[in-house]
N, C-alpha and C. Protein backbone atom coordinates (compact mmCIF):
# COMPACT_ATOMS: atom_id res chain seq x y z
N UNK A 1 -4.65 41.06 13.16
CA UNK A 1 -5.59 41.04 12.05
C UNK A 1 -5.05 40.16 10.93
N UNK A 2 -3.77 40.33 10.62
CA UNK A 2 -3.16 39.56 9.54
C UNK A 2 -3.17 38.07 9.88
N UNK A 3 -2.91 37.73 11.15
CA UNK A 3 -2.93 36.33 11.58
C UNK A 3 -4.33 35.73 11.44
N UNK A 4 -5.36 36.53 11.74
CA UNK A 4 -6.74 36.05 11.61
C UNK A 4 -7.06 35.75 10.15
N UNK A 5 -6.61 36.60 9.25
CA UNK A 5 -6.85 36.39 7.82
C UNK A 5 -6.12 35.14 7.35
N UNK A 6 -4.87 35.00 7.75
CA UNK A 6 -4.09 33.82 7.35
C UNK A 6 -4.72 32.56 7.94
N UNK A 7 -5.10 32.61 9.23
CA UNK A 7 -5.73 31.47 9.88
C UNK A 7 -7.05 31.10 9.22
N UNK A 8 -7.85 32.10 8.90
CA UNK A 8 -9.13 31.86 8.22
C UNK A 8 -8.92 31.27 6.83
N UNK A 9 -7.95 31.80 6.11
CA UNK A 9 -7.65 31.28 4.78
C UNK A 9 -7.17 29.84 4.85
N UNK A 10 -6.35 29.55 5.84
CA UNK A 10 -5.85 28.19 6.01
C UNK A 10 -7.00 27.24 6.34
N UNK A 11 -7.92 27.68 7.19
CA UNK A 11 -9.07 26.85 7.55
C UNK A 11 -9.94 26.57 6.32
N UNK A 12 -10.17 27.56 5.49
CA UNK A 12 -10.96 27.38 4.27
C UNK A 12 -10.26 26.42 3.33
N UNK A 13 -8.96 26.58 3.19
CA UNK A 13 -8.18 25.69 2.33
C UNK A 13 -8.26 24.25 2.83
N UNK A 14 -8.13 24.04 4.13
CA UNK A 14 -8.21 22.69 4.69
C UNK A 14 -9.60 22.08 4.50
N UNK A 15 -10.65 22.88 4.68
CA UNK A 15 -12.00 22.38 4.45
C UNK A 15 -12.21 22.00 2.99
N UNK A 16 -11.71 22.83 2.08
CA UNK A 16 -11.82 22.52 0.65
C UNK A 16 -11.07 21.24 0.32
N UNK A 17 -9.89 21.08 0.88
CA UNK A 17 -9.10 19.87 0.65
C UNK A 17 -9.82 18.64 1.21
N UNK A 18 -10.38 18.75 2.41
CA UNK A 18 -11.12 17.64 3.01
C UNK A 18 -12.32 17.26 2.13
N UNK A 19 -13.02 18.25 1.60
CA UNK A 19 -14.14 17.98 0.71
C UNK A 19 -13.71 17.27 -0.56
N UNK A 20 -12.59 17.71 -1.11
CA UNK A 20 -12.06 17.08 -2.32
C UNK A 20 -11.68 15.63 -2.06
N UNK A 21 -11.03 15.37 -0.94
CA UNK A 21 -10.65 14.01 -0.59
C UNK A 21 -11.90 13.15 -0.41
N UNK A 22 -12.91 13.66 0.29
CA UNK A 22 -14.14 12.92 0.50
C UNK A 22 -14.82 12.63 -0.83
N UNK A 23 -14.96 13.64 -1.69
CA UNK A 23 -15.58 13.45 -3.00
C UNK A 23 -14.80 12.44 -3.81
N UNK A 24 -13.50 12.54 -3.78
CA UNK A 24 -12.64 11.62 -4.53
C UNK A 24 -12.84 10.20 -4.05
N UNK A 25 -12.89 9.99 -2.73
CA UNK A 25 -13.07 8.62 -2.20
C UNK A 25 -14.46 8.10 -2.55
N UNK A 26 -15.49 8.93 -2.42
CA UNK A 26 -16.84 8.48 -2.74
C UNK A 26 -16.90 8.06 -4.21
N UNK A 27 -16.25 8.81 -5.07
CA UNK A 27 -16.22 8.46 -6.49
C UNK A 27 -15.53 7.11 -6.68
N UNK A 28 -14.51 6.83 -5.90
CA UNK A 28 -13.76 5.58 -6.03
C UNK A 28 -14.61 4.36 -5.70
N UNK A 29 -15.64 4.53 -4.89
CA UNK A 29 -16.44 3.38 -4.50
C UNK A 29 -17.12 2.72 -5.69
N UNK A 30 -17.31 3.46 -6.79
CA UNK A 30 -17.94 2.86 -7.96
C UNK A 30 -16.98 1.91 -8.66
N UNK A 31 -15.71 2.13 -8.52
CA UNK A 31 -14.68 1.25 -9.07
C UNK A 31 -14.87 0.98 -10.57
N UNK A 32 -15.29 1.97 -11.31
CA UNK A 32 -15.52 1.73 -12.73
C UNK A 32 -14.44 2.32 -13.62
N UNK A 33 -13.62 3.19 -13.10
CA UNK A 33 -12.67 3.87 -13.98
C UNK A 33 -11.22 3.71 -13.53
N UNK A 34 -10.90 2.58 -12.93
CA UNK A 34 -9.55 2.36 -12.44
C UNK A 34 -8.86 1.30 -13.27
N UNK A 35 -7.59 1.55 -13.53
CA UNK A 35 -6.87 0.61 -14.39
C UNK A 35 -6.48 -0.65 -13.62
N UNK A 36 -6.42 -1.77 -14.35
CA UNK A 36 -5.99 -3.01 -13.71
C UNK A 36 -4.54 -2.89 -13.24
N UNK A 37 -4.25 -3.51 -12.14
CA UNK A 37 -2.88 -3.53 -11.63
C UNK A 37 -2.04 -4.46 -12.50
N UNK A 38 -0.84 -4.06 -12.87
CA UNK A 38 0.03 -4.97 -13.62
C UNK A 38 0.31 -6.24 -12.81
N UNK A 39 0.25 -7.37 -13.50
CA UNK A 39 0.53 -8.65 -12.86
C UNK A 39 2.01 -8.73 -12.50
N UNK A 40 2.33 -9.60 -11.57
CA UNK A 40 3.74 -9.83 -11.25
C UNK A 40 3.96 -11.28 -10.90
N UNK A 41 5.19 -11.67 -11.02
CA UNK A 41 5.67 -12.99 -10.62
C UNK A 41 7.09 -12.79 -10.12
N UNK A 42 7.21 -12.72 -8.80
CA UNK A 42 8.50 -12.40 -8.17
C UNK A 42 8.83 -13.43 -7.10
N UNK A 43 10.13 -13.61 -6.83
CA UNK A 43 10.54 -14.61 -5.84
C UNK A 43 10.52 -14.07 -4.41
N UNK A 44 10.22 -15.00 -3.48
CA UNK A 44 10.46 -14.68 -2.08
C UNK A 44 11.88 -15.15 -1.75
N UNK A 45 12.31 -15.03 -0.52
CA UNK A 45 13.71 -15.33 -0.20
C UNK A 45 14.05 -16.82 -0.32
N UNK A 46 13.05 -17.69 -0.33
CA UNK A 46 13.35 -19.12 -0.51
C UNK A 46 13.30 -19.52 -1.99
N UNK A 47 13.04 -18.55 -2.87
CA UNK A 47 13.03 -18.81 -4.30
C UNK A 47 11.66 -19.11 -4.88
N UNK A 48 10.65 -19.26 -4.03
CA UNK A 48 9.30 -19.52 -4.53
C UNK A 48 8.78 -18.28 -5.25
N UNK A 49 8.24 -18.49 -6.46
CA UNK A 49 7.66 -17.38 -7.23
C UNK A 49 6.23 -17.14 -6.76
N UNK A 50 5.94 -15.91 -6.45
CA UNK A 50 4.61 -15.50 -6.00
C UNK A 50 3.99 -14.60 -7.05
N UNK A 51 2.70 -14.80 -7.29
CA UNK A 51 2.00 -14.03 -8.32
C UNK A 51 0.81 -13.27 -7.73
N UNK A 52 0.53 -12.12 -8.32
CA UNK A 52 -0.64 -11.34 -7.91
C UNK A 52 -1.90 -12.17 -8.09
N UNK A 53 -1.95 -13.01 -9.10
CA UNK A 53 -3.13 -13.84 -9.37
C UNK A 53 -3.48 -14.75 -8.19
N UNK A 54 -2.53 -15.09 -7.36
CA UNK A 54 -2.79 -15.93 -6.18
C UNK A 54 -3.68 -15.21 -5.16
N UNK A 55 -3.75 -13.90 -5.28
CA UNK A 55 -4.49 -13.10 -4.31
C UNK A 55 -5.84 -12.62 -4.83
N UNK A 56 -6.34 -13.23 -5.90
CA UNK A 56 -7.63 -12.84 -6.46
C UNK A 56 -8.70 -12.96 -5.38
N UNK A 57 -9.55 -11.95 -5.31
CA UNK A 57 -10.61 -11.91 -4.31
C UNK A 57 -10.20 -11.20 -3.04
N UNK A 58 -8.93 -10.82 -2.94
CA UNK A 58 -8.45 -10.10 -1.76
C UNK A 58 -7.89 -8.75 -2.18
N UNK A 59 -8.23 -7.70 -1.43
CA UNK A 59 -7.57 -6.42 -1.67
C UNK A 59 -6.08 -6.57 -1.34
N UNK A 60 -5.27 -5.70 -1.94
CA UNK A 60 -3.82 -5.78 -1.75
C UNK A 60 -3.26 -4.39 -1.48
N UNK A 61 -2.33 -4.32 -0.55
CA UNK A 61 -1.54 -3.11 -0.36
C UNK A 61 -0.13 -3.48 -0.81
N UNK A 62 0.26 -2.91 -1.94
CA UNK A 62 1.54 -3.22 -2.59
C UNK A 62 2.51 -2.08 -2.33
N UNK A 63 3.66 -2.43 -1.78
CA UNK A 63 4.61 -1.42 -1.30
C UNK A 63 5.97 -1.63 -1.97
N UNK A 64 6.47 -0.60 -2.65
CA UNK A 64 7.80 -0.64 -3.25
C UNK A 64 8.77 0.09 -2.34
N UNK A 65 9.89 -0.56 -2.04
CA UNK A 65 10.87 0.00 -1.10
C UNK A 65 12.25 -0.57 -1.43
N UNK A 66 13.28 -0.06 -0.77
CA UNK A 66 14.65 -0.57 -0.93
C UNK A 66 15.49 -0.18 0.27
N UNK A 67 16.53 -0.98 0.54
CA UNK A 67 17.40 -0.70 1.68
C UNK A 67 18.27 0.52 1.44
N UNK A 68 18.43 0.95 0.20
CA UNK A 68 19.24 2.13 -0.11
C UNK A 68 18.42 3.42 -0.07
N UNK A 69 17.15 3.30 0.27
CA UNK A 69 16.22 4.44 0.30
C UNK A 69 15.98 4.84 1.75
N UNK A 70 16.55 5.97 2.16
CA UNK A 70 16.44 6.41 3.56
C UNK A 70 14.99 6.56 4.02
N UNK A 71 14.09 7.20 3.24
CA UNK A 71 12.70 7.29 3.69
C UNK A 71 12.03 5.91 3.81
N UNK A 72 12.44 4.96 2.97
CA UNK A 72 11.88 3.61 3.04
C UNK A 72 12.25 2.95 4.36
N UNK A 73 13.50 3.11 4.75
CA UNK A 73 13.99 2.49 5.99
C UNK A 73 13.23 3.04 7.20
N UNK A 74 12.94 4.33 7.17
CA UNK A 74 12.19 4.94 8.27
C UNK A 74 10.74 4.46 8.28
N UNK A 75 10.16 4.28 7.10
CA UNK A 75 8.74 3.96 7.00
C UNK A 75 8.42 2.48 7.21
N UNK A 76 9.28 1.58 6.78
CA UNK A 76 8.95 0.16 6.73
C UNK A 76 8.50 -0.43 8.08
N UNK A 77 9.06 -0.03 9.22
CA UNK A 77 8.56 -0.61 10.48
C UNK A 77 7.08 -0.30 10.74
N UNK A 78 6.63 0.93 10.44
CA UNK A 78 5.21 1.24 10.68
C UNK A 78 4.33 0.55 9.65
N UNK A 79 4.86 0.33 8.44
CA UNK A 79 4.10 -0.38 7.42
C UNK A 79 3.89 -1.84 7.84
N UNK A 80 4.95 -2.48 8.33
CA UNK A 80 4.86 -3.87 8.80
C UNK A 80 3.93 -3.95 10.01
N UNK A 81 4.01 -3.00 10.92
CA UNK A 81 3.11 -2.99 12.08
C UNK A 81 1.65 -2.85 11.64
N UNK A 82 1.40 -2.04 10.62
CA UNK A 82 0.04 -1.90 10.10
C UNK A 82 -0.45 -3.22 9.53
N UNK A 83 0.42 -3.95 8.84
CA UNK A 83 0.05 -5.27 8.32
C UNK A 83 -0.26 -6.22 9.47
N UNK A 84 0.52 -6.14 10.52
CA UNK A 84 0.31 -7.00 11.70
C UNK A 84 -1.04 -6.69 12.35
N UNK A 85 -1.35 -5.41 12.50
CA UNK A 85 -2.64 -5.01 13.09
C UNK A 85 -3.79 -5.47 12.19
N UNK A 86 -3.60 -5.34 10.89
CA UNK A 86 -4.64 -5.76 9.94
C UNK A 86 -4.88 -7.26 10.02
N UNK A 87 -3.82 -8.01 10.20
CA UNK A 87 -3.94 -9.47 10.31
C UNK A 87 -4.75 -9.84 11.54
N UNK A 88 -4.47 -9.19 12.64
CA UNK A 88 -5.18 -9.50 13.89
C UNK A 88 -6.66 -9.16 13.78
N UNK A 89 -6.99 -8.07 13.09
CA UNK A 89 -8.39 -7.65 13.00
C UNK A 89 -9.16 -8.39 11.92
N UNK A 90 -8.47 -9.14 11.07
CA UNK A 90 -9.15 -9.80 9.95
C UNK A 90 -9.12 -11.32 10.05
N UNK A 91 -8.84 -11.85 11.22
CA UNK A 91 -8.80 -13.30 11.38
C UNK A 91 -10.07 -13.93 10.84
N UNK A 92 -9.91 -14.91 9.96
CA UNK A 92 -11.04 -15.65 9.42
C UNK A 92 -11.73 -15.03 8.22
N UNK A 93 -11.36 -13.82 7.84
CA UNK A 93 -11.99 -13.20 6.67
C UNK A 93 -11.36 -13.73 5.39
N UNK A 94 -12.18 -14.14 4.45
CA UNK A 94 -11.65 -14.65 3.18
C UNK A 94 -11.13 -13.51 2.30
N UNK A 95 -11.62 -12.31 2.54
CA UNK A 95 -11.19 -11.16 1.74
C UNK A 95 -10.26 -10.23 2.52
N UNK A 96 -9.51 -10.78 3.47
CA UNK A 96 -8.59 -9.97 4.26
C UNK A 96 -7.53 -9.36 3.35
N UNK A 97 -7.14 -8.15 3.64
CA UNK A 97 -6.15 -7.45 2.84
C UNK A 97 -4.81 -8.18 2.89
N UNK A 98 -4.23 -8.37 1.71
CA UNK A 98 -2.89 -8.94 1.61
C UNK A 98 -1.89 -7.79 1.48
N UNK A 99 -0.78 -7.90 2.16
CA UNK A 99 0.26 -6.89 2.14
C UNK A 99 1.46 -7.47 1.40
N UNK A 100 1.94 -6.75 0.39
CA UNK A 100 3.05 -7.24 -0.43
C UNK A 100 4.14 -6.17 -0.46
N UNK A 101 5.29 -6.53 0.09
CA UNK A 101 6.46 -5.63 0.10
C UNK A 101 7.40 -6.09 -1.01
N UNK A 102 7.65 -5.22 -1.97
CA UNK A 102 8.55 -5.54 -3.07
C UNK A 102 9.83 -4.73 -2.89
N UNK A 103 10.90 -5.44 -2.59
CA UNK A 103 12.20 -4.79 -2.43
C UNK A 103 12.83 -4.61 -3.80
N UNK A 104 13.45 -3.46 -3.99
CA UNK A 104 14.15 -3.16 -5.24
C UNK A 104 15.65 -3.32 -5.07
N UNK A 105 16.05 -4.05 -4.05
CA UNK A 105 17.46 -4.29 -3.79
C UNK A 105 18.03 -5.26 -4.83
N UNK A 106 19.35 -5.32 -4.89
CA UNK A 106 20.02 -6.22 -5.83
C UNK A 106 20.08 -7.65 -5.31
N UNK A 107 19.88 -7.84 -4.01
CA UNK A 107 19.94 -9.19 -3.44
C UNK A 107 19.21 -9.22 -2.10
N UNK A 108 18.95 -10.44 -1.63
CA UNK A 108 18.23 -10.61 -0.38
C UNK A 108 19.04 -10.17 0.82
N UNK A 109 20.34 -10.29 0.77
CA UNK A 109 21.16 -9.87 1.91
C UNK A 109 20.91 -8.40 2.23
N UNK A 110 20.87 -7.56 1.21
CA UNK A 110 20.61 -6.13 1.43
C UNK A 110 19.19 -5.89 1.95
N UNK A 111 18.22 -6.58 1.35
CA UNK A 111 16.83 -6.41 1.78
C UNK A 111 16.64 -6.86 3.23
N UNK A 112 17.27 -7.95 3.59
CA UNK A 112 17.10 -8.49 4.94
C UNK A 112 17.79 -7.65 6.02
N UNK A 113 18.67 -6.76 5.64
CA UNK A 113 19.24 -5.84 6.64
C UNK A 113 18.15 -4.94 7.21
N UNK A 114 17.09 -4.70 6.44
CA UNK A 114 16.01 -3.83 6.87
C UNK A 114 14.75 -4.61 7.23
N UNK A 115 14.41 -5.58 6.41
CA UNK A 115 13.17 -6.32 6.58
C UNK A 115 13.47 -7.80 6.76
N UNK A 116 13.53 -8.23 8.01
CA UNK A 116 13.83 -9.62 8.33
C UNK A 116 12.56 -10.46 8.22
N UNK A 117 12.63 -11.52 7.45
CA UNK A 117 11.43 -12.31 7.17
C UNK A 117 10.90 -13.07 8.38
N UNK A 118 11.73 -13.47 9.29
CA UNK A 118 11.27 -14.24 10.43
C UNK A 118 10.28 -13.51 11.32
N UNK A 119 10.26 -12.20 11.24
CA UNK A 119 9.39 -11.41 12.11
C UNK A 119 8.16 -10.86 11.38
N UNK A 120 7.91 -11.31 10.17
CA UNK A 120 6.81 -10.75 9.39
C UNK A 120 5.49 -11.46 9.69
N UNK A 121 4.38 -10.71 9.67
CA UNK A 121 3.08 -11.35 9.86
C UNK A 121 2.74 -12.25 8.66
N UNK A 122 1.82 -13.18 8.86
CA UNK A 122 1.47 -14.15 7.82
C UNK A 122 0.80 -13.52 6.61
N UNK A 123 0.17 -12.36 6.78
CA UNK A 123 -0.54 -11.71 5.67
C UNK A 123 0.38 -10.84 4.82
N UNK A 124 1.68 -10.91 5.06
CA UNK A 124 2.65 -10.07 4.35
C UNK A 124 3.61 -10.94 3.54
N UNK A 125 3.67 -10.65 2.25
CA UNK A 125 4.65 -11.29 1.37
C UNK A 125 5.82 -10.35 1.21
N UNK A 126 7.02 -10.86 1.29
CA UNK A 126 8.22 -10.09 1.01
C UNK A 126 8.84 -10.67 -0.27
N UNK A 127 8.90 -9.84 -1.30
CA UNK A 127 9.38 -10.27 -2.61
C UNK A 127 10.52 -9.37 -3.07
N UNK A 128 11.27 -9.86 -4.06
CA UNK A 128 12.44 -9.13 -4.56
C UNK A 128 12.32 -8.93 -6.06
N UNK A 129 12.53 -7.70 -6.51
CA UNK A 129 12.51 -7.36 -7.94
C UNK A 129 13.87 -6.80 -8.33
N UNK A 130 14.82 -7.69 -8.60
CA UNK A 130 16.18 -7.23 -8.92
C UNK A 130 16.22 -6.48 -10.24
N UNK A 131 15.29 -6.75 -11.14
CA UNK A 131 15.25 -6.04 -12.43
C UNK A 131 14.60 -4.67 -12.32
N UNK A 132 13.92 -4.43 -11.22
CA UNK A 132 13.24 -3.16 -10.95
C UNK A 132 12.23 -2.80 -12.05
N UNK A 133 11.62 -3.83 -12.64
CA UNK A 133 10.67 -3.62 -13.73
C UNK A 133 9.24 -3.37 -13.23
N UNK A 134 8.87 -3.96 -12.10
CA UNK A 134 7.49 -3.84 -11.63
C UNK A 134 7.12 -2.40 -11.25
N UNK A 135 7.95 -1.68 -10.53
CA UNK A 135 7.57 -0.29 -10.22
C UNK A 135 7.32 0.53 -11.48
N UNK A 136 8.13 0.30 -12.49
CA UNK A 136 7.94 1.03 -13.75
C UNK A 136 6.60 0.68 -14.38
N UNK A 137 6.21 -0.59 -14.32
CA UNK A 137 4.92 -1.00 -14.88
C UNK A 137 3.75 -0.33 -14.15
N UNK A 138 3.94 -0.05 -12.86
CA UNK A 138 2.90 0.61 -12.08
C UNK A 138 2.92 2.13 -12.26
N UNK A 139 4.03 2.66 -12.74
CA UNK A 139 4.15 4.11 -12.89
C UNK A 139 4.81 4.78 -11.71
N UNK A 140 5.58 4.02 -10.96
CA UNK A 140 6.27 4.59 -9.79
C UNK A 140 7.44 5.45 -10.24
N UNK A 141 7.67 6.51 -9.49
CA UNK A 141 8.77 7.40 -9.82
C UNK A 141 9.56 7.83 -8.59
N UNK A 142 9.12 7.47 -7.43
CA UNK A 142 9.79 7.87 -6.19
C UNK A 142 9.52 6.80 -5.16
N UNK A 143 10.49 6.52 -4.32
CA UNK A 143 10.30 5.47 -3.32
C UNK A 143 10.40 6.05 -1.93
N UNK A 144 9.65 5.50 -1.00
CA UNK A 144 8.71 4.41 -1.16
C UNK A 144 7.44 4.86 -1.88
N UNK A 145 6.79 3.90 -2.51
CA UNK A 145 5.47 4.13 -3.09
C UNK A 145 4.60 2.93 -2.75
N UNK A 146 3.33 3.21 -2.50
CA UNK A 146 2.40 2.17 -2.08
C UNK A 146 1.12 2.29 -2.89
N UNK A 147 0.58 1.14 -3.27
CA UNK A 147 -0.65 1.09 -4.05
C UNK A 147 -1.70 0.29 -3.31
N UNK A 148 -2.93 0.76 -3.36
CA UNK A 148 -4.07 0.03 -2.83
C UNK A 148 -4.82 -0.55 -4.02
N UNK A 149 -4.96 -1.88 -4.02
CA UNK A 149 -5.69 -2.58 -5.07
C UNK A 149 -6.97 -3.16 -4.48
N UNK A 150 -8.05 -3.10 -5.24
CA UNK A 150 -9.29 -3.72 -4.76
C UNK A 150 -9.22 -5.23 -4.95
N UNK A 151 -10.28 -5.93 -4.62
CA UNK A 151 -10.27 -7.40 -4.69
C UNK A 151 -10.21 -7.92 -6.12
N UNK A 152 -10.50 -7.05 -7.08
CA UNK A 152 -10.37 -7.42 -8.49
C UNK A 152 -9.04 -6.92 -9.06
N UNK A 153 -8.21 -6.41 -8.19
CA UNK A 153 -6.85 -5.94 -8.49
C UNK A 153 -6.82 -4.79 -9.50
N UNK A 154 -7.68 -3.82 -9.20
CA UNK A 154 -7.63 -2.54 -9.89
C UNK A 154 -7.02 -1.55 -8.91
N UNK A 155 -6.25 -0.62 -9.43
CA UNK A 155 -5.57 0.36 -8.58
C UNK A 155 -6.59 1.40 -8.12
N UNK A 156 -6.79 1.46 -6.79
CA UNK A 156 -7.71 2.42 -6.20
C UNK A 156 -6.99 3.70 -5.77
N UNK A 157 -5.76 3.52 -5.28
CA UNK A 157 -5.06 4.68 -4.72
C UNK A 157 -3.56 4.45 -4.76
N UNK A 158 -2.84 5.54 -4.80
CA UNK A 158 -1.38 5.50 -4.81
C UNK A 158 -0.86 6.53 -3.80
N UNK A 159 0.05 6.10 -2.94
CA UNK A 159 0.72 7.01 -2.02
C UNK A 159 2.16 7.16 -2.47
N UNK A 160 2.60 8.38 -2.66
CA UNK A 160 3.97 8.66 -3.07
C UNK A 160 4.73 9.17 -1.85
N UNK A 161 5.86 8.55 -1.58
CA UNK A 161 6.66 8.96 -0.43
C UNK A 161 6.23 8.25 0.83
N UNK A 162 6.95 8.46 1.92
CA UNK A 162 6.65 7.78 3.17
C UNK A 162 5.33 8.26 3.78
N UNK A 163 4.64 7.32 4.43
CA UNK A 163 3.38 7.61 5.10
C UNK A 163 3.48 7.21 6.56
N UNK A 164 2.60 7.75 7.37
CA UNK A 164 2.52 7.33 8.77
C UNK A 164 1.49 6.22 8.87
N UNK A 165 1.94 4.98 8.77
CA UNK A 165 1.05 3.83 8.77
C UNK A 165 0.56 3.48 10.17
N UNK A 166 0.95 4.25 11.18
CA UNK A 166 0.49 3.98 12.54
C UNK A 166 -0.83 4.66 12.84
N UNK A 167 -1.33 5.47 11.92
CA UNK A 167 -2.55 6.23 12.17
C UNK A 167 -3.82 5.39 12.13
N UNK A 168 -4.86 5.92 12.72
CA UNK A 168 -6.17 5.28 12.75
C UNK A 168 -6.73 5.13 11.34
N UNK A 169 -6.35 6.02 10.45
CA UNK A 169 -6.87 5.99 9.08
C UNK A 169 -6.59 4.66 8.38
N UNK A 170 -5.51 3.98 8.76
CA UNK A 170 -5.16 2.72 8.10
C UNK A 170 -6.23 1.66 8.38
N UNK A 171 -6.61 1.51 9.63
CA UNK A 171 -7.66 0.55 9.97
C UNK A 171 -8.98 0.88 9.32
N UNK A 172 -9.31 2.17 9.28
CA UNK A 172 -10.56 2.59 8.63
C UNK A 172 -10.52 2.29 7.14
N UNK A 173 -9.39 2.54 6.52
CA UNK A 173 -9.23 2.27 5.09
C UNK A 173 -9.38 0.78 4.80
N UNK A 174 -8.73 -0.05 5.60
CA UNK A 174 -8.79 -1.49 5.40
C UNK A 174 -10.22 -1.99 5.58
N UNK A 175 -10.89 -1.53 6.60
CA UNK A 175 -12.28 -1.93 6.84
C UNK A 175 -13.15 -1.54 5.65
N UNK A 176 -12.93 -0.36 5.15
CA UNK A 176 -13.74 0.14 4.03
C UNK A 176 -13.48 -0.65 2.75
N UNK A 177 -12.22 -0.93 2.45
CA UNK A 177 -11.91 -1.63 1.20
C UNK A 177 -12.37 -3.08 1.26
N UNK A 178 -12.41 -3.67 2.43
CA UNK A 178 -12.91 -5.04 2.56
C UNK A 178 -14.43 -5.11 2.38
N UNK A 179 -15.12 -3.99 2.58
CA UNK A 179 -16.58 -3.95 2.40
C UNK A 179 -17.00 -3.65 0.96
N UNK A 180 -16.07 -3.19 0.13
CA UNK A 180 -16.42 -2.86 -1.26
C UNK A 180 -16.88 -4.12 -1.99
N UNK A 181 -17.95 -3.96 -2.74
CA UNK A 181 -18.47 -5.09 -3.50
C UNK A 181 -17.88 -5.08 -4.91
N UNK A 182 -17.50 -6.25 -5.42
CA UNK A 182 -17.02 -6.33 -6.80
C UNK A 182 -18.10 -5.83 -7.76
N UNK A 183 -17.66 -5.26 -8.88
CA UNK A 183 -18.60 -4.71 -9.84
C UNK A 183 -19.05 -5.75 -10.87
N UNK A 184 -18.45 -6.89 -10.87
CA UNK A 184 -18.82 -7.90 -11.87
C UNK A 184 -19.78 -8.89 -11.30
């Protein structure tokens, strides 16, 4: 009897949570109350400075990570694989999602121990923030953290901690965000 009550309560809680998530996402489609993403200008490993402004018109998945962060090390392979899958499914789309990995390491040697640039998909930028100022501008407090930006670079969603980027939900999310119409 007690197990049935606990099971029933858990089912009700899960349904309520699913409803809240659905309502929250539906509300996000209006894109009227989201703050602009802080701009950045960070170097890649060859020293070229890359800016968020270069990606105007494209949604962005911005990921903060570091080689000294154990959960980051576990998560980064599935995150890169998700970027690779997204690239394959978005061939030829002008609004294909851009993936930006910002390492908080002190140097490229440390970052490259985990994320080797030669094996990265073309839709993924690997950048370094040695000053660690960008995560603070976004409001990050725990790593890894990932932000979803719309094509106008407003923050739609934030994931705190490691995620399972191998799930079907990633492809569905990318498809959905690429269909969102700009509000301007």
